[in-house]
Amino acid sequence: LEDQEKAIDLEMKKIIIFGQKPQPATWLKCDIGFVWNKSRSECGASWILRNSNGSVLLHGRRSFNNILSKTDGSFESWSWAIENHSLVGAISKPAAWPALKFYSMRLSSML
């Protein structure tokens, strides 16, 4: 009975983290967030990549200056997060990202 309760608790945690339906074990989940400060024309952005167990694999954060609207902040944040994920993909699977071969070779040599 105790093992069943632990299994139910684990499933509930997955539902809380990933929503109503747990994602397949091979999927990764990326959350992107940002906040915009109108009076300072600044934006802060972050992203976090998790596996199906909810373990953090990678994350990043950055700030932007001269952001004049919330829409601009959203666009810059998404663009930055997508660029970061593309570079991660280019390093881990360079054949799948031929357009980023130059960057992936340089970054791989730094690791």
PDB file of N, CA and C in Angstrom:
ATOM      1  N   LEU A   1       0.831  -1.199   0.000  1.00  0.00           N
ATOM      2  CA  LEU A   1       0.000   0.000   0.000  1.00  0.00           C
ATOM      3  C   LEU A   1       0.873   1.260   0.000  1.00  0.00           C
ATOM      4  N   GLU A   2       1.976   1.236   0.743  1.00  0.00           N
ATOM      5  CA  GLU A   2       2.870   2.392   0.816  1.00  0.00           C
ATOM      6  C   GLU A   2       3.520   2.671  -0.542  1.00  0.00           C
ATOM      7  N   ASP A   3       3.903   1.612  -1.262  1.00  0.00           N
ATOM      8  CA  ASP A   3       4.483   1.785  -2.596  1.00  0.00           C
ATOM      9  C   ASP A   3       3.474   2.409  -3.567  1.00  0.00           C
ATOM     10  N   GLN A   4       2.219   2.004  -3.460  1.00  0.00           N
ATOM     11  CA  GLN A   4       1.179   2.573  -4.311  1.00  0.00           C
ATOM     12  C   GLN A   4       1.004   4.065  -4.018  1.00  0.00           C
ATOM     13  N   GLU A   5       1.052   4.441  -2.744  1.00  0.00           N
ATOM     14  CA  GLU A   5       0.919   5.853  -2.371  1.00  0.00           C
ATOM     15  C   GLU A   5       2.092   6.666  -2.911  1.00  0.00           C
ATOM     16  N   LYS A   6       3.303   6.108  -2.859  1.00  0.00           N
ATOM     17  CA  LYS A   6       4.471   6.797  -3.403  1.00  0.00           C
ATOM     18  C   LYS A   6       4.337   6.987  -4.914  1.00  0.00           C
ATOM     19  N   ALA A   7       3.835   5.963  -5.599  1.00  0.00           N
ATOM     20  CA  ALA A   7       3.648   6.056  -7.049  1.00  0.00           C
ATOM     21  C   ALA A   7       2.610   7.126  -7.392  1.00  0.00           C
ATOM     22  N   ILE A   8       1.541   7.199  -6.607  1.00  0.00           N
ATOM     23  CA  ILE A   8       0.514   8.225  -6.819  1.00  0.00           C
ATOM     24  C   ILE A   8       1.106   9.610  -6.568  1.00  0.00           C
ATOM     25  N   ASP A   9       1.907   9.757  -5.504  1.00  0.00           N
ATOM     26  CA  ASP A   9       2.556  11.036  -5.219  1.00  0.00           C
ATOM     27  C   ASP A   9       3.463  11.468  -6.370  1.00  0.00           C
ATOM     28  N   LEU A  10       4.203  10.535  -6.941  1.00  0.00           N
ATOM     29  CA  LEU A  10       5.084  10.853  -8.060  1.00  0.00           C
ATOM     30  C   LEU A  10       4.270  11.298  -9.270  1.00  0.00           C
ATOM     31  N   GLU A  11       3.182  10.607  -9.542  1.00  0.00           N
ATOM     32  CA  GLU A  11       2.331  10.999 -10.672  1.00  0.00           C
ATOM     33  C   GLU A  11       1.718  12.374 -10.449  1.00  0.00           C
ATOM     34  N   MET A  12       1.344  12.681  -9.213  1.00  0.00           N
ATOM     35  CA  MET A  12       0.788  14.005  -8.911  1.00  0.00           C
ATOM     36  C   MET A  12       1.838  15.092  -9.107  1.00  0.00           C
ATOM     37  N   LYS A  13       3.076  14.832  -8.725  1.00  0.00           N
ATOM     38  CA  LYS A  13       4.150  15.793  -8.938  1.00  0.00           C
ATOM     39  C   LYS A  13       4.355  16.044 -10.432  1.00  0.00           C
ATOM     40  N   LYS A  14       4.303  14.981 -11.235  1.00  0.00           N
ATOM     41  CA  LYS A  14       4.442  15.137 -12.686  1.00  0.00           C
ATOM     42  C   LYS A  14       3.308  15.985 -13.244  1.00  0.00           C
ATOM     43  N   ILE A  15       2.092  15.768 -12.748  1.00  0.00           N
ATOM     44  CA  ILE A  15       0.950  16.555 -13.206  1.00  0.00           C
ATOM     45  C   ILE A  15       1.134  18.015 -12.832  1.00  0.00           C
ATOM     46  N   ILE A  16       1.610  18.287 -11.619  1.00  0.00           N
ATOM     47  CA  ILE A  16       1.833  19.663 -11.185  1.00  0.00           C
ATOM     48  C   ILE A  16       2.899  20.328 -12.050  1.00  0.00           C
ATOM     49  N   ILE A  17       3.984  19.625 -12.343  1.00  0.00           N
ATOM     50  CA  ILE A  17       5.084  20.197 -13.126  1.00  0.00           C
ATOM     51  C   ILE A  17       4.721  20.302 -14.603  1.00  0.00           C
ATOM     52  N   PHE A  18       4.155  19.254 -15.178  1.00  0.00           N
ATOM     53  CA  PHE A  18       3.970  19.190 -16.624  1.00  0.00           C
ATOM     54  C   PHE A  18       2.528  19.392 -17.085  1.00  0.00           C
ATOM     55  N   GLY A  19       1.602  19.589 -16.195  1.00  0.00           N
ATOM     56  CA  GLY A  19       0.207  19.726 -16.601  1.00  0.00           C
ATOM     57  C   GLY A  19      -0.538  18.414 -16.399  1.00  0.00           C
ATOM     58  N   GLN A  20      -1.746  18.354 -16.915  1.00  0.00           N
ATOM     59  CA  GLN A  20      -2.617  17.211 -16.678  1.00  0.00           C
ATOM     60  C   GLN A  20      -2.091  15.898 -17.247  1.00  0.00           C
ATOM     61  N   LYS A  21      -1.429  15.953 -18.372  1.00  0.00           N
ATOM     62  CA  LYS A  21      -0.986  14.719 -19.010  1.00  0.00           C
ATOM     63  C   LYS A  21       0.545  14.687 -19.011  1.00  0.00           C
ATOM     64  N   PRO A  22       1.168  13.745 -18.320  1.00  0.00           N
ATOM     65  CA  PRO A  22       2.624  13.678 -18.319  1.00  0.00           C
ATOM     66  C   PRO A  22       3.169  13.500 -19.740  1.00  0.00           C
ATOM     67  N   GLN A  23       4.283  14.146 -20.004  1.00  0.00           N
ATOM     68  CA  GLN A  23       4.869  14.047 -21.342  1.00  0.00           C
ATOM     69  C   GLN A  23       5.580  12.716 -21.513  1.00  0.00           C
ATOM     70  N   PRO A  24       5.756  12.280 -22.761  1.00  0.00           N
ATOM     71  CA  PRO A  24       6.494  11.030 -23.017  1.00  0.00           C
ATOM     72  C   PRO A  24       7.927  11.133 -22.489  1.00  0.00           C
ATOM     73  N   ALA A  25       8.490  10.002 -22.125  1.00  0.00           N
ATOM     74  CA  ALA A  25       9.813   9.972 -21.487  1.00  0.00           C
ATOM     75  C   ALA A  25      10.909  10.548 -22.370  1.00  0.00           C
ATOM     76  N   THR A  26      10.737  10.532 -23.674  1.00  0.00           N
ATOM     77  CA  THR A  26      11.787  11.033 -24.571  1.00  0.00           C
ATOM     78  C   THR A  26      11.692  12.533 -24.826  1.00  0.00           C
ATOM     79  N   TRP A  27      10.652  13.186 -24.345  1.00  0.00           N
ATOM     80  CA  TRP A  27      10.450  14.610 -24.602  1.00  0.00           C
ATOM     81  C   TRP A  27      11.199  15.462 -23.588  1.00  0.00           C
ATOM     82  N   LEU A  28      11.513  16.675 -24.004  1.00  0.00           N
ATOM     83  CA  LEU A  28      12.054  17.687 -23.117  1.00  0.00           C
ATOM     84  C   LEU A  28      11.061  18.841 -23.070  1.00  0.00           C
ATOM     85  N   LYS A  29      11.059  19.565 -21.963  1.00  0.00           N
ATOM     86  CA  LYS A  29      10.155  20.698 -21.807  1.00  0.00           C
ATOM     87  C   LYS A  29      10.971  21.947 -21.534  1.00  0.00           C
ATOM     88  N   CYS A  30      10.664  23.016 -22.277  1.00  0.00           N
ATOM     89  CA  CYS A  30      11.354  24.276 -22.080  1.00  0.00           C
ATOM     90  C   CYS A  30      10.343  25.344 -21.679  1.00  0.00           C
ATOM     91  N   ASP A  31      10.596  26.005 -20.568  1.00  0.00           N
ATOM     92  CA  ASP A  31       9.783  27.134 -20.137  1.00  0.00           C
ATOM     93  C   ASP A  31      10.577  28.404 -20.373  1.00  0.00           C
ATOM     94  N   ILE A  32       9.914  29.409 -20.936  1.00  0.00           N
ATOM     95  CA  ILE A  32      10.535  30.700 -21.203  1.00  0.00           C
ATOM     96  C   ILE A  32       9.726  31.761 -20.475  1.00  0.00           C
ATOM     97  N   GLY A  33      10.415  32.645 -19.775  1.00  0.00           N
ATOM     98  CA  GLY A  33       9.723  33.710 -19.059  1.00  0.00           C
ATOM     99  C   GLY A  33      10.447  35.030 -19.230  1.00  0.00           C
ATOM    100  N   PHE A  34       9.700  36.120 -19.030  1.00  0.00           N
ATOM    101  CA  PHE A  34      10.326  37.430 -19.082  1.00  0.00           C
ATOM    102  C   PHE A  34       9.531  38.413 -18.233  1.00  0.00           C
ATOM    103  N   VAL A  35      10.180  39.485 -17.863  1.00  0.00           N
ATOM    104  CA  VAL A  35       9.524  40.570 -17.142  1.00  0.00           C
ATOM    105  C   VAL A  35      10.033  41.876 -17.737  1.00  0.00           C
ATOM    106  N   TRP A  36       9.132  42.841 -17.884  1.00  0.00           N
ATOM    107  CA  TRP A  36       9.476  44.131 -18.498  1.00  0.00           C
ATOM    108  C   TRP A  36       9.260  45.246 -17.495  1.00  0.00           C
ATOM    109  N   ASN A  37      10.230  46.139 -17.387  1.00  0.00           N
ATOM    110  CA  ASN A  37      10.133  47.307 -16.515  1.00  0.00           C
ATOM    111  C   ASN A  37       9.963  48.529 -17.411  1.00  0.00           C
ATOM    112  N   LYS A  38       8.754  49.060 -17.456  1.00  0.00           N
ATOM    113  CA  LYS A  38       8.429  50.177 -18.345  1.00  0.00           C
ATOM    114  C   LYS A  38       9.235  51.423 -18.001  1.00  0.00           C
ATOM    115  N   SER A  39       9.330  51.762 -16.724  1.00  0.00           N
ATOM    116  CA  SER A  39      10.007  53.008 -16.342  1.00  0.00           C
ATOM    117  C   SER A  39      11.503  52.988 -16.641  1.00  0.00           C
ATOM    118  N   ARG A  40      12.114  51.811 -16.645  1.00  0.00           N
ATOM    119  CA  ARG A  40      13.553  51.703 -16.930  1.00  0.00           C
ATOM    120  C   ARG A  40      13.847  51.191 -18.337  1.00  0.00           C
ATOM    121  N   SER A  41      12.797  50.866 -19.090  1.00  0.00           N
ATOM    122  CA  SER A  41      12.935  50.312 -20.451  1.00  0.00           C
ATOM    123  C   SER A  41      13.885  49.124 -20.475  1.00  0.00           C
ATOM    124  N   GLU A  42      13.683  48.236 -19.502  1.00  0.00           N
ATOM    125  CA  GLU A  42      14.523  47.037 -19.385  1.00  0.00           C
ATOM    126  C   GLU A  42      13.650  45.789 -19.374  1.00  0.00           C
ATOM    127  N   CYS A  43      14.268  44.712 -19.758  1.00  0.00           N
ATOM    128  CA  CYS A  43      13.578  43.425 -19.777  1.00  0.00           C
ATOM    129  C   CYS A  43      14.547  42.361 -19.276  1.00  0.00           C
ATOM    130  N   GLY A  44      14.044  41.430 -18.492  1.00  0.00           N
ATOM    131  CA  GLY A  44      14.824  40.271 -18.059  1.00  0.00           C
ATOM    132  C   GLY A  44      14.164  39.015 -18.593  1.00  0.00           C
ATOM    133  N   ALA A  45      14.965  38.076 -19.068  1.00  0.00           N
ATOM    134  CA  ALA A  45      14.425  36.849 -19.648  1.00  0.00           C
ATOM    135  C   ALA A  45      15.156  35.645 -19.085  1.00  0.00           C
ATOM    136  N   SER A  46      14.465  34.508 -19.081  1.00  0.00           N
ATOM    137  CA  SER A  46      15.095  33.261 -18.648  1.00  0.00           C
ATOM    138  C   SER A  46      14.421  32.092 -19.355  1.00  0.00           C
ATOM    139  N   TRP A  47      15.162  30.997 -19.439  1.00  0.00           N
ATOM    140  CA  TRP A  47      14.604  29.748 -19.949  1.00  0.00           C
ATOM    141  C   TRP A  47      15.178  28.609 -19.131  1.00  0.00           C
ATOM    142  N   ILE A  48      14.408  27.534 -19.055  1.00  0.00           N
ATOM    143  CA  ILE A  48      14.843  26.345 -18.321  1.00  0.00           C
ATOM    144  C   ILE A  48      14.383  25.114 -19.101  1.00  0.00           C
ATOM    145  N   LEU A  49      15.294  24.172 -19.279  1.00  0.00           N
ATOM    146  CA  LEU A  49      15.019  22.942 -20.018  1.00  0.00           C
ATOM    147  C   LEU A  49      15.012  21.782 -19.025  1.00  0.00           C
ATOM    148  N   ARG A  50      13.914  21.010 -19.049  1.00  0.00           N
ATOM    149  CA  ARG A  50      13.755  19.872 -18.131  1.00  0.00           C
ATOM    150  C   ARG A  50      13.470  18.596 -18.910  1.00  0.00           C
ATOM    151  N   ASN A  51      13.851  17.478 -18.301  1.00  0.00           N
ATOM    152  CA  ASN A  51      13.501  16.192 -18.904  1.00  0.00           C
ATOM    153  C   ASN A  51      12.121  15.769 -18.400  1.00  0.00           C
ATOM    154  N   SER A  52      11.686  14.581 -18.792  1.00  0.00           N
ATOM    155  CA  SER A  52      10.340  14.138 -18.431  1.00  0.00           C
ATOM    156  C   SER A  52      10.165  13.889 -16.936  1.00  0.00           C
ATOM    157  N   ASN A  53      11.269  13.767 -16.202  1.00  0.00           N
ATOM    158  CA  ASN A  53      11.181  13.610 -14.747  1.00  0.00           C
ATOM    159  C   ASN A  53      11.149  14.948 -14.026  1.00  0.00           C
ATOM    160  N   GLY A  54      11.304  16.038 -14.782  1.00  0.00           N
ATOM    161  CA  GLY A  54      11.315  17.365 -14.183  1.00  0.00           C
ATOM    162  C   GLY A  54      12.695  17.829 -13.760  1.00  0.00           C
ATOM    163  N   SER A  55      13.722  17.025 -14.030  1.00  0.00           N
ATOM    164  CA  SER A  55      15.089  17.416 -13.679  1.00  0.00           C
ATOM    165  C   SER A  55      15.582  18.492 -14.635  1.00  0.00           C
ATOM    166  N   VAL A  56      16.244  19.500 -14.087  1.00  0.00           N
ATOM    167  CA  VAL A  56      16.767  20.595 -14.902  1.00  0.00           C
ATOM    168  C   VAL A  56      18.004  20.112 -15.653  1.00  0.00           C
ATOM    169  N   LEU A  57      17.997  20.319 -16.978  1.00  0.00           N
ATOM    170  CA  LEU A  57      19.120  19.946 -17.821  1.00  0.00           C
ATOM    171  C   LEU A  57      19.989  21.157 -18.143  1.00  0.00           C
ATOM    172  N   LEU A  58      19.354  22.261 -18.515  1.00  0.00           N
ATOM    173  CA  LEU A  58      20.042  23.498 -18.862  1.00  0.00           C
ATOM    174  C   LEU A  58      19.159  24.681 -18.483  1.00  0.00           C
ATOM    175  N   HIS A  59      19.771  25.828 -18.324  1.00  0.00           N
ATOM    176  CA  HIS A  59      18.993  27.045 -18.091  1.00  0.00           C
ATOM    177  C   HIS A  59      19.836  28.249 -18.495  1.00  0.00           C
ATOM    178  N   GLY A  60      19.173  29.359 -18.692  1.00  0.00           N
ATOM    179  CA  GLY A  60      19.880  30.579 -19.040  1.00  0.00           C
ATOM    180  C   GLY A  60      19.058  31.788 -18.629  1.00  0.00           C
ATOM    181  N   ARG A  61      19.741  32.928 -18.487  1.00  0.00           N
ATOM    182  CA  ARG A  61      19.043  34.175 -18.174  1.00  0.00           C
ATOM    183  C   ARG A  61      19.835  35.325 -18.761  1.00  0.00           C
ATOM    184  N   ARG A  62      19.134  36.409 -18.998  1.00  0.00           N
ATOM    185  CA  ARG A  62      19.782  37.559 -19.619  1.00  0.00           C
ATOM    186  C   ARG A  62      18.921  38.784 -19.431  1.00  0.00           C
ATOM    187  N   SER A  63      19.532  39.958 -19.521  1.00  0.00           N
ATOM    188  CA  SER A  63      18.782  41.212 -19.465  1.00  0.00           C
ATOM    189  C   SER A  63      18.959  41.968 -20.780  1.00  0.00           C
ATOM    190  N   PHE A  64      17.976  42.787 -21.087  1.00  0.00           N
ATOM    191  CA  PHE A  64      17.974  43.598 -22.305  1.00  0.00           C
ATOM    192  C   PHE A  64      17.719  45.057 -21.931  1.00  0.00           C
ATOM    193  N   ASN A  65      18.401  45.965 -22.589  1.00  0.00           N
ATOM    194  CA  ASN A  65      18.206  47.408 -22.391  1.00  0.00           C
ATOM    195  C   ASN A  65      17.453  47.999 -23.575  1.00  0.00           C
ATOM    196  N   ASN A  66      16.903  49.194 -23.361  1.00  0.00           N
ATOM    197  CA  ASN A  66      16.207  49.943 -24.404  1.00  0.00           C
ATOM    198  C   ASN A  66      15.046  49.147 -25.000  1.00  0.00           C
ATOM    199  N   ILE A  67      14.279  48.505 -24.135  1.00  0.00           N
ATOM    200  CA  ILE A  67      13.081  47.764 -24.554  1.00  0.00           C
ATOM    201  C   ILE A  67      11.889  48.666 -24.254  1.00  0.00           C
ATOM    202  N   LEU A  68      11.247  49.150 -25.303  1.00  0.00           N
ATOM    203  CA  LEU A  68      10.244  50.195 -25.153  1.00  0.00           C
ATOM    204  C   LEU A  68       8.815  49.696 -24.945  1.00  0.00           C
ATOM    205  N   SER A  69       8.575  48.405 -25.138  1.00  0.00           N
ATOM    206  CA  SER A  69       7.226  47.877 -24.919  1.00  0.00           C
ATOM    207  C   SER A  69       7.303  46.429 -24.436  1.00  0.00           C
ATOM    208  N   LYS A  70       6.207  45.986 -23.871  1.00  0.00           N
ATOM    209  CA  LYS A  70       6.131  44.603 -23.406  1.00  0.00           C
ATOM    210  C   LYS A  70       6.216  43.632 -24.591  1.00  0.00           C
ATOM    211  N   THR A  71       5.631  44.015 -25.712  1.00  0.00           N
ATOM    212  CA  THR A  71       5.692  43.181 -26.916  1.00  0.00           C
ATOM    213  C   THR A  71       7.136  43.039 -27.394  1.00  0.00           C
ATOM    214  N   ASP A  72       7.884  44.151 -27.381  1.00  0.00           N
ATOM    215  CA  ASP A  72       9.304  44.086 -27.760  1.00  0.00           C
ATOM    216  C   ASP A  72      10.076  43.177 -26.804  1.00  0.00           C
ATOM    217  N   GLY A  73       9.771  43.279 -25.528  1.00  0.00           N
ATOM    218  CA  GLY A  73      10.428  42.424 -24.538  1.00  0.00           C
ATOM    219  C   GLY A  73      10.143  40.956 -24.774  1.00  0.00           C
ATOM    220  N   SER A  74       8.899  40.653 -25.099  1.00  0.00           N
ATOM    221  CA  SER A  74       8.515  39.275 -25.390  1.00  0.00           C
ATOM    222  C   SER A  74       9.264  38.760 -26.620  1.00  0.00           C
ATOM    223  N   PHE A  75       9.304  39.571 -27.669  1.00  0.00           N
ATOM    224  CA  PHE A  75       9.984  39.168 -28.896  1.00  0.00           C
ATOM    225  C   PHE A  75      11.474  38.922 -28.643  1.00  0.00           C
ATOM    226  N   GLU A  76      12.142  39.848 -27.960  1.00  0.00           N
ATOM    227  CA  GLU A  76      13.576  39.697 -27.688  1.00  0.00           C
ATOM    228  C   GLU A  76      13.840  38.455 -26.836  1.00  0.00           C
ATOM    229  N   SER A  77      12.986  38.215 -25.860  1.00  0.00           N
ATOM    230  CA  SER A  77      13.149  37.058 -24.974  1.00  0.00           C
ATOM    231  C   SER A  77      13.014  35.752 -25.743  1.00  0.00           C
ATOM    232  N   TRP A  78      11.983  35.645 -26.557  1.00  0.00           N
ATOM    233  CA  TRP A  78      11.780  34.433 -27.352  1.00  0.00           C
ATOM    234  C   TRP A  78      12.904  34.240 -28.360  1.00  0.00           C
ATOM    235  N   SER A  79      13.301  35.319 -29.025  1.00  0.00           N
ATOM    236  CA  SER A  79      14.388  35.219 -30.009  1.00  0.00           C
ATOM    237  C   SER A  79      15.664  34.713 -29.351  1.00  0.00           C
ATOM    238  N   TRP A  80      15.981  35.272 -28.200  1.00  0.00           N
ATOM    239  CA  TRP A  80      17.182  34.880 -27.467  1.00  0.00           C
ATOM    240  C   TRP A  80      17.106  33.414 -27.036  1.00  0.00           C
ATOM    241  N   ALA A  81      15.956  33.004 -26.498  1.00  0.00           N
ATOM    242  CA  ALA A  81      15.809  31.620 -26.027  1.00  0.00           C
ATOM    243  C   ALA A  81      15.916  30.632 -27.191  1.00  0.00           C
ATOM    244  N   ILE A  82      15.300  30.955 -28.307  1.00  0.00           N
ATOM    245  CA  ILE A  82      15.370  30.070 -29.477  1.00  0.00           C
ATOM    246  C   ILE A  82      16.803  29.986 -29.991  1.00  0.00           C
ATOM    247  N   GLU A  83      17.484  31.111 -30.035  1.00  0.00           N
ATOM    248  CA  GLU A  83      18.887  31.120 -30.468  1.00  0.00           C
ATOM    249  C   GLU A  83      19.740  30.238 -29.556  1.00  0.00           C
ATOM    250  N   ASN A  84      19.519  30.331 -28.259  1.00  0.00           N
ATOM    251  CA  ASN A  84      20.254  29.496 -27.306  1.00  0.00           C
ATOM    252  C   ASN A  84      20.000  28.025 -27.548  1.00  0.00           C
ATOM    253  N   HIS A  85      18.741  27.652 -27.753  1.00  0.00           N
ATOM    254  CA  HIS A  85      18.414  26.245 -27.984  1.00  0.00           C
ATOM    255  C   HIS A  85      18.993  25.750 -29.303  1.00  0.00           C
ATOM    256  N   SER A  86      19.028  26.611 -30.307  1.00  0.00           N
ATOM    257  CA  SER A  86      19.624  26.232 -31.586  1.00  0.00           C
ATOM    258  C   SER A  86      21.103  25.935 -31.414  1.00  0.00           C
ATOM    259  N   LEU A  87      21.782  26.755 -30.622  1.00  0.00           N
ATOM    260  CA  LEU A  87      23.208  26.524 -30.405  1.00  0.00           C
ATOM    261  C   LEU A  87      23.453  25.257 -29.600  1.00  0.00           C
ATOM    262  N   VAL A  88      22.595  24.983 -28.633  1.00  0.00           N
ATOM    263  CA  VAL A  88      22.716  23.732 -27.868  1.00  0.00           C
ATOM    264  C   VAL A  88      22.536  22.549 -28.813  1.00  0.00           C
ATOM    265  N   GLY A  89      21.531  22.626 -29.693  1.00  0.00           N
ATOM    266  CA  GLY A  89      21.306  21.560 -30.665  1.00  0.00           C
ATOM    267  C   GLY A  89      22.463  21.431 -31.637  1.00  0.00           C
ATOM    268  N   ALA A  90      23.020  22.560 -32.031  1.00  0.00           N
ATOM    269  CA  ALA A  90      24.139  22.548 -32.980  1.00  0.00           C
ATOM    270  C   ALA A  90      25.365  21.876 -32.384  1.00  0.00           C
ATOM    271  N   ILE A  91      25.563  22.036 -31.088  1.00  0.00           N
ATOM    272  CA  ILE A  91      26.715  21.410 -30.431  1.00  0.00           C
ATOM    273  C   ILE A  91      26.476  19.919 -30.242  1.00  0.00           C
ATOM    274  N   SER A  92      25.275  19.557 -29.789  1.00  0.00           N
ATOM    275  CA  SER A  92      25.008  18.147 -29.487  1.00  0.00           C
ATOM    276  C   SER A  92      24.736  17.307 -30.740  1.00  0.00           C
ATOM    277  N   LYS A  93      24.180  17.907 -31.791  1.00  0.00           N
ATOM    278  CA  LYS A  93      23.883  17.187 -33.038  1.00  0.00           C
ATOM    279  C   LYS A  93      24.223  18.070 -34.232  1.00  0.00           C
ATOM    280  N   PRO A  94      25.514  18.283 -34.491  1.00  0.00           N
ATOM    281  CA  PRO A  94      25.901  19.224 -35.548  1.00  0.00           C
ATOM    282  C   PRO A  94      25.381  18.866 -36.935  1.00  0.00           C
ATOM    283  N   ALA A  95      25.204  17.598 -37.241  1.00  0.00           N
ATOM    284  CA  ALA A  95      24.711  17.213 -38.564  1.00  0.00           C
ATOM    285  C   ALA A  95      23.278  17.701 -38.792  1.00  0.00           C
ATOM    286  N   ALA A  96      22.520  17.865 -37.731  1.00  0.00           N
ATOM    287  CA  ALA A  96      21.132  18.320 -37.852  1.00  0.00           C
ATOM    288  C   ALA A  96      21.032  19.832 -37.998  1.00  0.00           C
ATOM    289  N   TRP A  97      22.146  20.543 -37.779  1.00  0.00           N
ATOM    290  CA  TRP A  97      22.145  22.012 -37.814  1.00  0.00           C
ATOM    291  C   TRP A  97      23.279  22.518 -38.715  1.00  0.00           C
ATOM    292  N   PRO A  98      23.263  22.172 -40.005  1.00  0.00           N
ATOM    293  CA  PRO A  98      24.381  22.576 -40.866  1.00  0.00           C
ATOM    294  C   PRO A  98      24.560  24.083 -40.972  1.00  0.00           C
ATOM    295  N   ALA A  99      23.494  24.854 -40.852  1.00  0.00           N
ATOM    296  CA  ALA A  99      23.613  26.309 -40.957  1.00  0.00           C
ATOM    297  C   ALA A  99      24.411  26.903 -39.802  1.00  0.00           C
ATOM    298  N   LEU A 100      24.513  26.179 -38.689  1.00  0.00           N
ATOM    299  CA  LEU A 100      25.237  26.675 -37.515  1.00  0.00           C
ATOM    300  C   LEU A 100      26.562  25.952 -37.312  1.00  0.00           C
ATOM    301  N   LYS A 101      27.052  25.301 -38.361  1.00  0.00           N
ATOM    302  CA  LYS A 101      28.275  24.507 -38.239  1.00  0.00           C
ATOM    303  C   LYS A 101      29.446  25.332 -37.715  1.00  0.00           C
ATOM    304  N   PHE A 102      29.613  26.548 -38.215  1.00  0.00           N
ATOM    305  CA  PHE A 102      30.713  27.402 -37.777  1.00  0.00           C
ATOM    306  C   PHE A 102      30.653  27.637 -36.261  1.00  0.00           C
ATOM    307  N   TYR A 103      29.466  28.004 -35.763  1.00  0.00           N
ATOM    308  CA  TYR A 103      29.314  28.278 -34.340  1.00  0.00           C
ATOM    309  C   TYR A 103      29.500  27.017 -33.508  1.00  0.00           C
ATOM    310  N   SER A 104      28.934  25.911 -33.977  1.00  0.00           N
ATOM    311  CA  SER A 104      29.040  24.677 -33.196  1.00  0.00           C
ATOM    312  C   SER A 104      30.486  24.210 -33.100  1.00  0.00           C
ATOM    313  N   MET A 105      31.262  24.381 -34.172  1.00  0.00           N
ATOM    314  CA  MET A 105      32.672  23.983 -34.127  1.00  0.00           C
ATOM    315  C   MET A 105      33.441  24.857 -33.138  1.00  0.00           C
ATOM    316  N   ARG A 106      33.192  26.143 -33.169  1.00  0.00           N
ATOM    317  CA  ARG A 106      33.888  27.054 -32.240  1.00  0.00           C
ATOM    318  C   ARG A 106      33.517  26.765 -30.787  1.00  0.00           C
ATOM    319  N   LEU A 107      32.215  26.583 -30.550  1.00  0.00           N
ATOM    320  CA  LEU A 107      31.767  26.323 -29.173  1.00  0.00           C
ATOM    321  C   LEU A 107      32.242  24.961 -28.686  1.00  0.00           C
ATOM    322  N   SER A 108      32.214  23.960 -29.546  1.00  0.00           N
ATOM    323  CA  SER A 108      32.687  22.628 -29.154  1.00  0.00           C
ATOM    324  C   SER A 108      34.149  22.658 -28.757  1.00  0.00           C
ATOM    325  N   SER A 109      34.933  23.462 -29.468  1.00  0.00           N
ATOM    326  CA  SER A 109      36.370  23.542 -29.144  1.00  0.00           C
ATOM    327  C   SER A 109      36.604  24.217 -27.789  1.00  0.00           C
ATOM    328  N   MET A 110      35.647  25.027 -27.343  1.00  0.00           N
ATOM    329  CA  MET A 110      35.768  25.707 -26.039  1.00  0.00           C
ATOM    330  C   MET A 110      35.420  24.791 -24.875  1.00  0.00           C
ATOM    331  N   LEU A 111      34.662  23.744 -25.174  1.00  0.00           N
ATOM    332  CA  LEU A 111      34.197  22.850 -24.092  1.00  0.00           C
ATOM    333  C   LEU A 111      35.246  21.886 -23.695  1.00  0.00           C
TER     334      LEU A 111
END
